[in-house]
Amino acid sequence: MPTPLPELIRRFDVSGPRYTSYPTADRFVEAFTSDHFVQALEQRRSGAAAMVLPLSLYVHIPFCESLCYYCACNKIITKHHERGEAYLRYLSREVDLHTAHLGVGQVVSQLHLGGGTPTFLSDGELRELMAMLRRSFTLAPGGEYSIEVDPRTVDAGRLATLAELGFNRLSFGVQDFDPVVQKAVHRIQPAEQVFALVASARQLGFESINVDLIYGLPQQTPESFDRTLAQVNELRPDRIALYAYAHLPERFKPQRRIITAELPNADAKLSMLSRSLAAFENAGYVYVGMDHFALPNDALAVAKRQGRLHRNFQGYSTQPDCDLLGLGVSAIGRVGATYSQNAKTLEEYYDHLDQGRLPVVRGLALTRDDLLRRSVIMALMCQGELQYESIDLAYLIDFKSYFAAELETLAGMEEQGLVEVSDTGIQVTAMGWFFVRGVAMVFDRYLQADRTRARFSKII
């Protein structure tokens, strides 16, 4: 008999990875240097991938004018906008070092500007950045070109500039429309402002508009979040990203300003999640996966229906499983069977580039077991199912023997109603989607080895 939901909540009130990669970024090592990354770039250039598989680009803009207390991103709080000009000069150096090893003109099908606040940069600086990227790479027609937007930093005129520069997807950071919650996290932005911007974006013809929400913030209740959900459904963005707030003040200094007693408990958080699922389903959204919802005609929902969903460092994606170049301070990339991360401080990032070296300071070369387990975890996270035969043929193993211990653990989850395990594969149930991170964790060799989960956010 399936385990009742309240009991599942108690059992799964644990920390776990989001699996935007496997192995997760906390497993990167400093023994992986820029020399190893250069080798990976040159292998791509000389291999078939450079001719066939397009690239994905992520550019990190770290600057923000004000501090949001919940934020766990790598950011620099400053009102000195001239710092953007210097940052672009160093980004240009980093791009040149990449193309020195990759060659100029490689095709890019996905670009994402994140932060920080990418719209901290002026329109002129954004023009300079896009011109720099177009000189070095070939942006494919019909690609996904997105930028994160702080509603407090743009108006209709700036949105028109973004469209002119080639961006076709916007992501607005909303988090919560409730003024009390906004005050508690130091991010005041009236709902009317967001509604006006989304209306302008639609008039400008952006293909997809996303809104980010966070549940589990201080002063939130299921009832107050219901009001935000109703407003979001009225706004009707093409996509919604709904994240659980991860309170890790020992790791992220801004979160120490949040009053712990004002945080909702696990039961309240799950209530917000379940109410969100119901509200978005009633409004016609497709539940794409762990964090993401989309209207049925949005590319993400279409990819979900067609089994083409993927997951990368930005979350769920429609793009094929391609190499990702991470540009800018702290940016993470993936090339071939390697992961890499740039220096996390501006000083160190600049220092590497001043010395003519790529600013990679840590990373990982994946083993055969890593690649195998990544395939298993991504199938569960993206498709919610796995066929043993596909893994057997791809990796020349016997799944049931190789993962005998994991299948034994899954038997307990099957009794709880989270998965269905058969002779041919694994299927995540509708209830299991609440806890899909927990299902994926069963196959995480590193996590099973040390059981140290405090570094991660809660599953619910």
Protein backbone atom coordinates (compact mmCIF):
# COMPACT_ATOMS: atom_id res chain seq x y z
CA MET A 1 0.00 0.00 0.00
CA PRO A 2 1.41 3.47 -0.90
CA THR A 3 2.71 5.49 2.03
CA PRO A 4 0.45 8.41 3.05
CA LEU A 5 1.69 11.80 1.90
CA PRO A 6 2.30 13.24 5.41
CA GLU A 7 4.56 10.29 6.22
CA LEU A 8 6.43 10.73 2.93
CA ILE A 9 6.97 14.38 3.80
CA ARG A 10 8.62 13.40 7.08
CA ARG A 11 10.79 10.74 5.44
CA PHE A 12 11.94 12.98 2.62
CA ASP A 13 12.58 16.14 4.65
CA VAL A 14 16.26 15.73 3.74
CA SER A 15 18.79 17.56 1.60
CA GLY A 16 19.72 16.46 -1.89
CA PRO A 17 21.20 17.67 -5.20
CA ARG A 18 19.16 19.32 -7.95
CA TYR A 19 21.06 17.24 -10.54
CA THR A 20 21.67 19.97 -13.07
CA SER A 21 24.74 17.78 -13.55
CA TYR A 22 26.09 14.45 -12.40
CA PRO A 23 28.48 14.28 -10.67
CA THR A 24 27.33 17.44 -8.91
CA ALA A 25 29.47 20.59 -8.79
CA ASP A 26 30.50 20.00 -5.17
CA ARG A 27 32.54 17.03 -6.49
CA PHE A 28 34.75 19.21 -8.69
CA VAL A 29 38.43 19.16 -7.76
CA GLU A 30 41.24 21.69 -8.03
CA ALA A 31 43.43 19.01 -9.62
CA PHE A 32 41.44 19.70 -12.79
CA THR A 33 43.13 22.81 -14.20
CA SER A 34 42.88 25.09 -17.19
CA ASP A 35 45.35 22.79 -18.99
CA HIS A 36 42.87 19.91 -18.74
CA PHE A 37 40.13 22.19 -20.01
CA VAL A 38 42.26 23.29 -22.97
CA GLN A 39 42.78 19.63 -23.82
CA ALA A 40 39.01 19.09 -23.82
CA LEU A 41 38.50 22.11 -26.10
CA GLU A 42 41.11 20.89 -28.56
CA GLN A 43 39.64 17.39 -28.55
CA ARG A 44 36.29 18.90 -29.47
CA ARG A 45 37.87 20.92 -32.26
CA SER A 46 39.55 17.86 -33.76
CA GLY A 47 36.59 15.52 -33.22
CA ALA A 48 33.28 14.98 -34.95
CA ALA A 49 31.37 16.95 -32.32
CA ALA A 50 32.65 20.27 -33.65
CA MET A 51 31.15 19.48 -37.05
CA VAL A 52 27.83 18.09 -35.85
CA LEU A 53 26.84 19.23 -32.36
CA PRO A 54 26.14 22.91 -31.69
CA LEU A 55 27.36 24.66 -28.58
CA SER A 56 25.45 26.18 -25.70
CA LEU A 57 26.80 29.38 -24.11
CA TYR A 58 26.24 30.64 -20.59
CA VAL A 59 27.50 34.12 -19.70
CA HIS A 60 27.55 35.13 -16.03
CA ILE A 61 27.08 38.82 -15.21
CA PRO A 62 27.74 39.05 -11.45
CA PHE A 63 26.65 42.62 -10.63
CA CYS A 64 23.49 43.62 -8.74
CA GLU A 65 22.44 47.05 -7.43
CA SER A 66 20.81 45.67 -4.27
CA LEU A 67 20.95 42.51 -2.19
CA CYS A 68 18.12 39.95 -2.14
CA TYR A 69 18.41 38.09 1.16
CA TYR A 70 17.45 34.67 -0.25
CA CYS A 71 20.07 34.74 -3.00
CA ALA A 72 22.64 31.96 -3.28
CA CYS A 73 24.08 33.13 -6.60
CA ASN A 74 27.60 34.42 -7.13
CA LYS A 75 27.05 38.18 -7.22
CA ILE A 76 28.68 41.52 -6.46
CA ILE A 77 26.52 44.26 -4.93
CA THR A 78 27.46 47.63 -6.36
CA LYS A 79 25.95 50.82 -7.74
CA HIS A 80 29.11 51.56 -9.73
CA HIS A 81 27.96 50.73 -13.25
CA GLU A 82 31.37 51.53 -14.71
CA ARG A 83 32.49 48.12 -13.39
CA GLY A 84 30.50 46.56 -16.22
CA GLU A 85 32.81 48.10 -18.82
CA ALA A 86 35.93 46.52 -17.27
CA TYR A 87 34.15 43.19 -16.91
CA LEU A 88 33.31 43.14 -20.63
CA ARG A 89 36.97 43.68 -21.52
CA TYR A 90 37.91 40.58 -19.54
CA LEU A 91 35.01 38.59 -20.98
CA SER A 92 36.37 39.44 -24.43
CA ARG A 93 39.77 38.05 -23.44
CA GLU A 94 38.15 34.86 -22.18
CA VAL A 95 36.19 34.42 -25.41
CA ASP A 96 39.38 34.93 -27.45
CA LEU A 97 41.16 32.24 -25.41
CA HIS A 98 38.28 29.84 -26.08
CA THR A 99 38.29 30.45 -29.82
CA ALA A 100 42.08 30.09 -29.93
CA HIS A 101 41.54 26.43 -29.05
CA LEU A 102 38.09 25.85 -30.57
CA GLY A 103 38.35 27.93 -33.71
CA VAL A 104 36.17 30.89 -34.66
CA GLY A 105 32.62 30.44 -35.88
CA GLN A 106 31.41 27.34 -34.08
CA VAL A 107 27.63 27.10 -34.20
CA VAL A 108 25.72 28.09 -31.04
CA SER A 109 22.07 27.05 -30.66
CA GLN A 110 21.51 28.21 -27.08
CA LEU A 111 22.66 31.32 -25.21
CA HIS A 112 21.72 32.29 -21.69
CA LEU A 113 22.75 35.42 -19.79
CA GLY A 114 22.46 34.91 -16.05
CA GLY A 115 23.71 36.45 -12.84
CA GLY A 116 23.65 38.48 -10.75
CA THR A 117 21.62 40.84 -12.87
CA PRO A 118 22.48 40.78 -16.60
CA THR A 119 20.38 43.91 -17.10
CA PHE A 120 22.80 45.70 -14.75
CA LEU A 121 24.72 46.29 -18.00
CA SER A 122 23.68 49.32 -20.03
CA ASP A 123 22.09 48.93 -23.46
CA GLY A 124 25.41 49.93 -25.01
CA GLU A 125 27.28 47.30 -23.01
CA LEU A 126 24.75 44.62 -23.95
CA ARG A 127 25.24 45.59 -27.60
CA GLU A 128 29.00 45.27 -27.14
CA LEU A 129 28.62 41.86 -25.51
CA MET A 130 26.39 40.48 -28.27
CA ALA A 131 28.68 41.87 -30.98
CA MET A 132 31.61 40.16 -29.27
CA LEU A 133 29.81 36.82 -29.21
CA ARG A 134 28.69 37.12 -32.83
CA ARG A 135 32.28 37.83 -33.93
CA SER A 136 33.47 34.64 -32.27
CA PHE A 137 30.55 32.24 -32.74
CA THR A 138 27.78 31.62 -35.26
CA LEU A 139 24.39 32.05 -33.59
CA ALA A 140 22.11 29.58 -35.34
CA PRO A 141 18.77 30.80 -36.75
CA GLY A 142 15.93 29.54 -34.58
CA GLY A 143 18.15 29.07 -31.53
CA GLU A 144 17.15 29.80 -27.95
CA TYR A 145 18.61 33.11 -26.80
CA SER A 146 17.51 34.03 -23.29
CA ILE A 147 18.31 36.57 -20.60
CA GLU A 148 17.37 36.87 -16.93
CA VAL A 149 15.62 40.17 -16.20
CA ASP A 150 15.20 41.96 -12.91
CA PRO A 151 11.92 43.87 -13.43
CA ARG A 152 13.33 46.74 -11.40
CA THR A 153 16.06 47.40 -13.98
CA VAL A 154 14.14 47.56 -17.28
CA ASP A 155 11.31 49.35 -19.04
CA ALA A 156 9.56 48.80 -22.37
CA GLY A 157 12.38 50.59 -24.20
CA ARG A 158 15.04 48.30 -22.77
CA LEU A 159 12.96 45.23 -23.66
CA ALA A 160 12.84 46.51 -27.25
CA THR A 161 16.64 46.71 -27.23
CA LEU A 162 16.88 43.10 -26.01
CA ALA A 163 14.63 41.98 -28.87
CA GLU A 164 16.73 43.96 -31.35
CA LEU A 165 19.88 42.26 -30.06
CA GLY A 166 18.43 38.84 -30.85
CA PHE A 167 17.08 37.66 -27.51
CA ASN A 168 13.87 35.71 -28.01
CA ARG A 169 13.26 34.47 -24.46
CA LEU A 170 12.97 36.41 -21.21
CA SER A 171 12.98 35.22 -17.62
CA PHE A 172 11.54 37.64 -15.06
CA GLY A 173 12.53 37.21 -11.42
CA VAL A 174 9.29 37.56 -9.45
CA GLN A 175 9.68 35.16 -6.48
CA ASP A 176 6.47 36.34 -4.75
CA PHE A 177 3.97 39.17 -5.33
CA ASP A 178 3.13 39.52 -1.63
CA PRO A 179 4.46 42.88 -0.31
CA VAL A 180 5.12 41.42 3.18
CA VAL A 181 7.26 38.63 1.71
CA GLN A 182 9.03 41.07 -0.62
CA LYS A 183 9.97 43.23 2.35
CA ALA A 184 11.23 40.20 4.31
CA VAL A 185 13.63 39.27 1.47
CA HIS A 186 14.56 42.89 0.54
CA ARG A 187 13.12 42.82 -2.98
CA ILE A 188 10.27 45.28 -3.48
CA GLN A 189 8.68 45.19 -6.93
CA PRO A 190 4.97 45.95 -7.42
CA ALA A 191 2.91 43.41 -9.35
CA GLU A 192 1.72 46.17 -11.68
CA GLN A 193 5.31 46.71 -12.83
CA VAL A 194 5.72 43.04 -13.80
CA PHE A 195 2.34 42.91 -15.56
CA ALA A 196 3.26 45.97 -17.65
CA LEU A 197 6.63 44.50 -18.64
CA VAL A 198 5.14 41.15 -19.65
CA ALA A 199 2.54 42.97 -21.78
CA SER A 200 5.35 44.93 -23.49
CA ALA A 201 7.37 41.75 -24.06
CA ARG A 202 4.40 40.12 -25.76
CA GLN A 203 3.90 43.12 -28.03
CA LEU A 204 7.59 42.88 -28.98
CA GLY A 205 7.15 39.25 -30.04
CA PHE A 206 9.34 37.36 -27.56
CA GLU A 207 8.80 33.64 -28.18
CA SER A 208 8.74 32.58 -24.54
CA ILE A 209 8.35 34.49 -21.29
CA ASN A 210 9.29 32.78 -18.03
CA VAL A 211 8.52 33.81 -14.47
CA ASP A 212 10.61 32.58 -11.52
CA LEU A 213 8.85 31.89 -8.22
CA ILE A 214 10.22 30.71 -4.89
CA TYR A 215 8.25 28.95 -2.17
CA GLY A 216 9.50 28.55 1.39
CA LEU A 217 10.49 32.21 1.83
CA PRO A 218 10.06 34.04 5.15
CA GLN A 219 6.51 35.23 5.93
CA GLN A 220 5.03 32.98 3.26
CA THR A 221 1.99 30.86 4.08
CA PRO A 222 0.04 28.51 1.81
CA GLU A 223 -2.76 31.09 1.81
CA SER A 224 -0.52 34.03 0.91
CA PHE A 225 1.15 32.00 -1.82
CA ASP A 226 -2.29 31.12 -3.21
CA ARG A 227 -2.74 34.82 -3.95
CA THR A 228 0.58 34.94 -5.79
CA LEU A 229 -0.39 31.83 -7.76
CA ALA A 230 -3.66 33.47 -8.80
CA GLN A 231 -1.79 36.57 -9.98
CA VAL A 232 0.72 34.47 -11.92
CA ASN A 233 -2.08 32.57 -13.63
CA GLU A 234 -3.63 35.91 -14.57
CA LEU A 235 -0.25 37.03 -15.93
CA ARG A 236 -0.08 33.73 -17.88
CA PRO A 237 3.62 33.49 -18.75
CA ASP A 238 4.64 30.77 -21.22
CA ARG A 239 6.81 29.10 -18.58
CA ILE A 240 7.00 29.08 -14.80
CA ALA A 241 10.00 28.01 -12.76
CA LEU A 242 8.99 27.18 -9.19
CA TYR A 243 11.93 26.72 -6.83
CA ALA A 244 12.06 25.63 -3.21
CA TYR A 245 14.02 28.10 -1.10
CA ALA A 246 17.16 26.48 0.30
CA HIS A 247 18.07 28.08 3.63
CA LEU A 248 21.83 27.55 3.98
CA PRO A 249 23.04 30.59 5.97
CA GLU A 250 26.30 28.86 6.88
CA ARG A 251 27.19 28.89 3.17
CA PHE A 252 25.46 32.03 1.90
CA LYS A 253 26.06 35.14 3.98
CA PRO A 254 23.02 37.16 2.71
CA GLN A 255 20.69 34.48 4.08
CA ARG A 256 21.83 35.30 7.62
CA ARG A 257 19.59 38.36 7.40
CA ILE A 258 16.55 36.10 7.14
CA ILE A 259 14.80 35.38 10.43
CA THR A 260 14.67 31.58 10.68
CA ALA A 261 11.51 31.65 12.79
CA GLU A 262 9.69 33.32 9.89
CA LEU A 263 10.38 30.41 7.52
CA PRO A 264 7.48 28.01 6.78
CA ASN A 265 7.92 24.41 7.95
CA ALA A 266 8.14 21.37 5.68
CA ASP A 267 4.39 20.69 5.80
CA ALA A 268 3.63 24.27 4.76
CA LYS A 269 6.21 24.08 1.97
CA LEU A 270 4.74 20.89 0.57
CA SER A 271 1.29 22.43 0.81
CA MET A 272 2.55 25.34 -1.29
CA LEU A 273 4.04 22.92 -3.79
CA SER A 274 0.91 20.76 -4.06
CA ARG A 275 -1.33 23.84 -4.32
CA SER A 276 0.97 25.22 -7.02
CA LEU A 277 0.72 21.98 -8.98
CA ALA A 278 -3.06 22.07 -8.74
CA ALA A 279 -3.32 25.77 -9.59
CA PHE A 280 -1.07 25.55 -12.63
CA GLU A 281 -2.73 22.35 -13.87
CA ASN A 282 -6.15 23.99 -13.57
CA ALA A 283 -4.80 26.95 -15.54
CA GLY A 284 -3.69 24.62 -18.35
CA TYR A 285 0.02 24.36 -17.64
CA VAL A 286 1.98 21.16 -18.23
CA TYR A 287 4.07 19.96 -15.29
CA VAL A 288 7.35 19.51 -17.16
CA GLY A 289 9.39 18.30 -14.21
CA MET A 290 10.91 19.14 -10.87
CA ASP A 291 10.83 22.95 -11.14
CA HIS A 292 9.23 23.71 -14.46
CA PHE A 293 5.76 24.30 -15.87
CA ALA A 294 4.86 25.38 -19.41
CA LEU A 295 1.84 26.09 -21.56
CA PRO A 296 1.09 23.15 -23.88
CA ASN A 297 2.34 24.90 -27.03
CA ASP A 298 5.61 26.07 -25.45
CA ALA A 299 8.75 24.35 -26.73
CA LEU A 300 9.50 22.92 -23.28
CA ALA A 301 6.11 21.22 -23.02
CA VAL A 302 6.44 19.94 -26.59
CA ALA A 303 9.86 18.47 -25.78
CA LYS A 304 8.38 16.79 -22.70
CA ARG A 305 5.62 15.16 -24.79
CA GLN A 306 8.07 14.01 -27.43
CA GLY A 307 10.64 12.63 -24.97
CA ARG A 308 13.27 15.20 -26.01
CA LEU A 309 13.69 16.89 -22.64
CA HIS A 310 17.21 17.47 -21.34
CA ARG A 311 18.72 18.94 -18.20
CA ASN A 312 21.79 21.14 -17.86
CA PHE A 313 23.24 23.72 -15.49
CA GLN A 314 20.33 26.07 -16.23
CA GLY A 315 17.67 23.43 -15.47
CA TYR A 316 15.36 21.72 -17.95
CA SER A 317 16.08 22.46 -21.61
CA THR A 318 14.86 21.58 -25.09
CA GLN A 319 18.40 21.61 -26.45
CA PRO A 320 20.18 18.35 -27.26
CA ASP A 321 22.81 17.01 -24.89
CA CYS A 322 25.49 19.44 -26.13
CA ASP A 323 28.70 20.97 -24.90
CA LEU A 324 28.29 24.11 -22.79
CA LEU A 325 30.83 26.90 -22.50
CA GLY A 326 30.60 28.84 -19.23
CA LEU A 327 31.89 32.39 -19.61
CA GLY A 328 32.48 34.84 -16.78
CA VAL A 329 33.29 34.68 -13.10
CA SER A 330 32.20 31.40 -11.42
CA ALA A 331 30.60 30.08 -14.64
CA ILE A 332 30.38 26.30 -15.05
CA GLY A 333 30.84 24.52 -18.36
CA ARG A 334 30.81 21.06 -19.84
CA VAL A 335 32.96 19.95 -22.77
CA GLY A 336 33.12 16.30 -23.75
CA ALA A 337 33.43 14.14 -20.65
CA THR A 338 34.61 17.04 -18.47
CA TYR A 339 33.10 19.72 -16.25
CA SER A 340 34.91 22.96 -15.43
CA GLN A 341 34.34 26.04 -13.29
CA ASN A 342 35.88 29.48 -13.48
CA ALA A 343 37.36 31.39 -10.55
CA LYS A 344 34.67 32.54 -8.12
CA THR A 345 36.10 35.95 -7.24
CA LEU A 346 36.52 38.82 -9.66
CA GLU A 347 40.11 39.36 -8.57
CA GLU A 348 41.15 35.78 -9.30
CA TYR A 349 39.16 35.73 -12.55
CA TYR A 350 40.90 38.89 -13.76
CA ASP A 351 44.31 37.64 -12.60
CA HIS A 352 44.10 34.46 -14.68
CA LEU A 353 43.13 36.42 -17.78
CA ASP A 354 45.87 39.00 -17.17
CA GLN A 355 48.30 36.09 -17.33
CA GLY A 356 46.79 34.90 -20.61
CA ARG A 357 45.24 31.78 -19.09
CA LEU A 358 41.68 30.54 -19.11
CA PRO A 359 40.23 31.19 -15.62
CA VAL A 360 39.33 27.55 -14.89
CA VAL A 361 40.22 26.70 -11.28
CA ARG A 362 38.49 23.37 -10.77
CA GLY A 363 36.52 20.71 -12.56
CA LEU A 364 36.20 17.00 -13.18
CA ALA A 365 37.07 14.41 -15.80
CA LEU A 366 34.19 11.94 -15.75
CA THR A 367 34.83 8.23 -15.36
CA ARG A 368 32.91 5.53 -17.24
CA ASP A 369 30.85 4.94 -14.09
CA ASP A 370 30.10 8.68 -13.88
CA LEU A 371 28.85 8.71 -17.47
CA LEU A 372 26.73 5.62 -16.88
CA ARG A 373 25.12 6.99 -13.73
CA ARG A 374 24.60 10.38 -15.37
CA SER A 375 22.57 8.67 -18.10
CA VAL A 376 20.45 6.88 -15.51
CA ILE A 377 19.85 9.98 -13.37
CA MET A 378 19.04 12.22 -16.34
CA ALA A 379 16.57 9.66 -17.74
CA LEU A 380 14.75 9.62 -14.41
CA MET A 381 14.85 13.40 -14.02
CA CYS A 382 13.80 14.20 -17.59
CA GLN A 383 11.62 11.35 -18.82
CA GLY A 384 10.56 9.87 -15.50
CA GLU A 385 11.33 6.42 -16.80
CA LEU A 386 14.22 4.19 -17.73
CA GLN A 387 14.50 1.06 -19.87
CA TYR A 388 17.27 -1.30 -18.77
CA GLU A 389 17.97 -2.42 -22.34
CA SER A 390 18.91 1.08 -23.53
CA ILE A 391 21.52 1.37 -20.78
CA ASP A 392 22.74 -2.19 -21.31
CA LEU A 393 23.37 -1.53 -25.01
CA ALA A 394 24.94 1.90 -24.53
CA TYR A 395 27.36 0.86 -21.78
CA LEU A 396 27.71 -2.90 -22.34
CA ILE A 397 26.56 -3.84 -18.84
CA ASP A 398 23.80 -5.86 -17.26
CA PHE A 399 21.73 -3.20 -15.50
CA LYS A 400 20.16 -5.51 -12.94
CA SER A 401 23.53 -6.86 -11.84
CA TYR A 402 25.39 -3.54 -11.94
CA PHE A 403 22.70 -1.74 -9.95
CA ALA A 404 21.54 -4.63 -7.76
CA ALA A 405 21.93 -2.62 -4.53
CA GLU A 406 20.14 0.39 -6.01
CA LEU A 407 17.23 -1.75 -7.22
CA GLU A 408 16.93 -3.18 -3.73
CA THR A 409 16.61 0.37 -2.37
CA LEU A 410 14.05 1.21 -5.03
CA ALA A 411 11.94 -1.70 -3.84
CA GLY A 412 11.26 0.29 -0.67
CA MET A 413 10.30 3.33 -2.76
CA GLU A 414 7.98 1.13 -4.80
CA GLU A 415 6.17 0.14 -1.61
CA GLN A 416 5.81 3.85 -0.85
CA GLY A 417 4.19 4.40 -4.26
CA LEU A 418 7.00 6.54 -5.70
CA VAL A 419 8.22 4.23 -8.48
CA GLU A 420 7.16 1.13 -10.38
CA VAL A 421 9.99 -1.34 -10.96
CA SER A 422 9.50 -4.06 -13.59
CA ASP A 423 11.66 -6.65 -15.34
CA THR A 424 12.32 -4.15 -18.12
CA GLY A 425 12.65 -0.77 -16.42
CA ILE A 426 11.78 1.89 -13.85
CA GLN A 427 8.82 4.28 -13.97
CA VAL A 428 8.41 7.30 -11.66
CA THR A 429 4.79 7.61 -10.51
CA ALA A 430 2.73 10.79 -10.37
CA MET A 431 3.36 10.92 -6.60
CA GLY A 432 7.02 10.16 -7.23
CA TRP A 433 7.44 13.40 -9.18
CA PHE A 434 7.19 15.24 -5.87
CA PHE A 435 10.29 13.35 -4.75
CA VAL A 436 12.10 12.68 -8.03
CA ARG A 437 15.33 14.05 -6.57
CA GLY A 438 15.11 11.35 -3.91
CA VAL A 439 14.68 8.70 -6.60
CA ALA A 440 17.70 10.00 -8.50
CA MET A 441 19.79 10.08 -5.30
CA VAL A 442 19.58 6.28 -5.13
CA PHE A 443 21.94 6.12 -8.13
CA ASP A 444 24.39 8.79 -6.87
CA ARG A 445 27.53 6.86 -5.99
CA TYR A 446 29.20 9.84 -4.33
CA LEU A 447 26.22 10.61 -2.15
CA GLN A 448 25.87 7.01 -1.07
CA ALA A 449 29.56 6.94 -0.18
CA ASP A 450 29.60 9.82 2.27
CA ARG A 451 25.92 10.58 3.00
CA THR A 452 26.86 14.23 3.50
CA ARG A 453 23.88 16.20 2.35
CA ALA A 454 24.06 19.43 4.37
CA ARG A 455 25.55 21.21 1.35
CA PHE A 456 22.35 20.72 -0.65
CA SER A 457 18.86 22.17 -0.56
CA LYS A 458 15.89 20.25 0.87
CA ILE A 459 14.11 17.92 -1.56
CA ILE A 460 10.75 19.56 -0.78
